Amino acid sequence: MNRKNAKKLADGIIALSRAQDAGLLPNHVVIIDLRDKGIQKIFTPKRLDLLNFVLKRKGLTVTELAQKLGRPKEAVSADLKLLLKYKLIEMPREGRIKRPTPTFKMIQLVPNLAMPA
C-alpha cells in the first residue's frame, strides 16, 4: 500500500471513529470490510486474532497476550501500536504495565468472498 492510500484509509477510519463519538453511529460495533485490499494488509489474521483476544479477555497485559497467542512480545506490541493508531484499542498504563482495552464491544467482519483465480 502506498503512502497516499494508507493516509486515505487512516483518515476514513478516524472519520468513522469521530462519527461514533458524535453519536452518529453505534459506538460498540467495529465493521471491518475485508474486501478492501488496504484493509487486508492492516487486518491480517494474526492482528484479527489479537483484536479478538483483547475484546474477549480484557485486562491482560501485553506480555500475557503474547504468551497466550504464542507470539513474540515485540510482534504483539507492534501490532497493538497499529491498532492503537486506528483507535481500535486504548493502552492505559499502570506504572510500567500496559493493558490494552477495546474501544468497542463487537467486531463485524465483512468477508472477502472473491473466488480465487
Protein backbone atom coordinates (compact mmCIF):
# COMPACT_ATOMS: atom_id res chain seq x y z
CA MET A 1 0.00 0.00 0.00
CA ASN A 2 1.43 3.34 -0.94
CA ARG A 3 1.56 6.33 1.39
CA LYS A 4 -1.38 8.11 -0.25
CA ASN A 5 -3.69 5.09 0.10
CA ALA A 6 -2.54 4.47 3.68
CA LYS A 7 -3.34 8.09 4.58
CA LYS A 8 -6.75 7.83 2.90
CA LEU A 9 -7.51 4.63 4.81
CA ALA A 10 -6.37 6.13 8.11
CA ASP A 11 -8.48 9.24 7.51
CA GLY A 12 -11.52 7.06 6.77
CA ILE A 13 -11.12 5.04 9.95
CA ILE A 14 -10.60 8.19 12.02
CA ALA A 15 -13.70 9.75 10.41
CA LEU A 16 -15.74 6.68 11.41
CA SER A 17 -14.40 6.96 14.94
CA ARG A 18 -15.38 10.64 15.10
CA ALA A 19 -18.85 9.82 13.75
CA GLN A 20 -19.23 7.28 16.54
CA ASP A 21 -18.04 9.85 19.10
CA ALA A 22 -20.63 12.31 17.77
CA GLY A 23 -23.37 9.73 18.24
CA LEU A 24 -23.94 9.29 14.51
CA LEU A 25 -23.01 5.60 14.57
CA PRO A 26 -23.28 2.90 17.24
CA ASN A 27 -20.19 3.16 19.45
CA HIS A 28 -19.98 -0.51 20.28
CA VAL A 29 -19.53 -2.09 16.83
CA VAL A 30 -16.50 -2.01 14.55
CA ILE A 31 -17.13 -3.07 10.96
CA ILE A 32 -14.07 -4.32 9.09
CA ASP A 33 -14.55 -4.79 5.35
CA LEU A 34 -12.07 -7.47 4.34
CA ARG A 35 -12.94 -7.00 0.65
CA ASP A 36 -10.70 -3.90 0.63
CA LYS A 37 -7.06 -4.69 -0.20
CA GLY A 38 -5.78 -1.91 2.08
CA ILE A 39 -7.82 -3.24 4.99
CA GLN A 40 -6.50 -6.76 4.29
CA LYS A 41 -2.93 -5.51 4.74
CA ILE A 42 -3.74 -3.93 8.09
CA PHE A 43 -6.09 -6.57 9.47
CA THR A 44 -4.04 -9.69 8.98
CA PRO A 45 -5.28 -12.94 10.55
CA LYS A 46 -2.81 -12.51 13.43
CA ARG A 47 -3.98 -8.94 14.11
CA LEU A 48 -7.62 -10.00 13.97
CA ASP A 49 -6.84 -12.80 16.45
CA LEU A 50 -5.12 -10.27 18.70
CA LEU A 51 -8.04 -7.84 18.42
CA ASN A 52 -10.49 -10.62 19.24
CA PHE A 53 -8.37 -11.70 22.22
CA VAL A 54 -8.28 -8.12 23.56
CA LEU A 55 -12.06 -7.95 23.19
CA LYS A 56 -12.82 -11.25 24.92
CA ARG A 57 -10.09 -11.34 27.56
CA LYS A 58 -9.98 -7.86 28.96
CA GLY A 59 -7.29 -6.94 31.43
CA LEU A 60 -4.38 -8.95 30.07
CA THR A 61 -1.00 -7.28 29.80
CA VAL A 62 0.99 -7.15 26.57
CA THR A 63 3.25 -9.92 27.90
CA GLU A 64 0.26 -12.09 28.84
CA LEU A 65 -1.30 -11.57 25.40
CA ALA A 66 1.94 -12.60 23.71
CA GLN A 67 2.16 -15.74 25.85
CA LYS A 68 -1.48 -16.73 25.26
CA LEU A 69 -1.15 -16.17 21.49
CA GLY A 70 2.24 -17.89 21.27
CA ARG A 71 3.81 -14.86 19.60
CA PRO A 72 6.89 -12.77 20.42
CA LYS A 73 6.11 -9.85 22.72
CA GLU A 74 7.73 -7.42 20.28
CA ALA A 75 5.42 -8.55 17.45
CA VAL A 76 2.32 -8.25 19.64
CA SER A 77 3.46 -4.83 20.84
CA ALA A 78 3.96 -3.63 17.24
CA ASP A 79 0.51 -4.90 16.26
CA LEU A 80 -1.05 -3.21 19.29
CA LYS A 81 0.57 0.09 18.29
CA LEU A 82 -1.06 -0.18 14.88
CA LEU A 83 -4.46 -0.98 16.42
CA LEU A 84 -3.99 2.00 18.75
CA LYS A 85 -3.21 4.23 15.77
CA TYR A 86 -6.59 3.32 14.26
CA LYS A 87 -8.33 3.87 17.61
CA LEU A 88 -9.47 0.26 17.95
CA ILE A 89 -7.85 -0.07 21.36
CA GLU A 90 -6.66 2.09 24.21
CA MET A 91 -3.47 1.41 26.13
CA PRO A 92 -3.93 2.60 29.71
CA ARG A 93 -0.81 2.39 31.86
CA GLU A 94 -0.47 1.05 35.36
CA GLY A 95 3.06 2.15 36.10
CA ARG A 96 5.15 0.30 33.52
CA ILE A 97 2.39 -2.17 32.67
CA LYS A 98 0.07 -1.64 29.70
CA ARG A 99 -3.28 -3.39 29.46
CA PRO A 100 -4.87 -2.98 26.03
CA THR A 101 -8.61 -2.42 26.15
CA PRO A 102 -11.01 -2.37 23.21
CA THR A 103 -12.84 0.79 22.24
CA PHE A 104 -15.83 -1.30 21.08
CA LYS A 105 -17.96 -4.26 22.15
CA MET A 106 -18.18 -6.24 18.94
CA ILE A 107 -16.32 -6.78 15.67
CA GLN A 108 -18.35 -7.28 12.49
CA LEU A 109 -16.27 -8.67 9.64
CA VAL A 110 -17.35 -8.33 6.01
CA PRO A 111 -15.58 -11.34 4.48
CA ASN A 112 -13.65 -11.33 1.25
CA LEU A 113 -15.75 -13.74 -0.78
CA ALA A 114 -13.82 -13.31 -4.03
CA MET A 115 -13.19 -16.60 -5.76
CA PRO A 116 -9.54 -17.49 -6.36
CA ALA A 117 -8.45 -17.24 -9.99
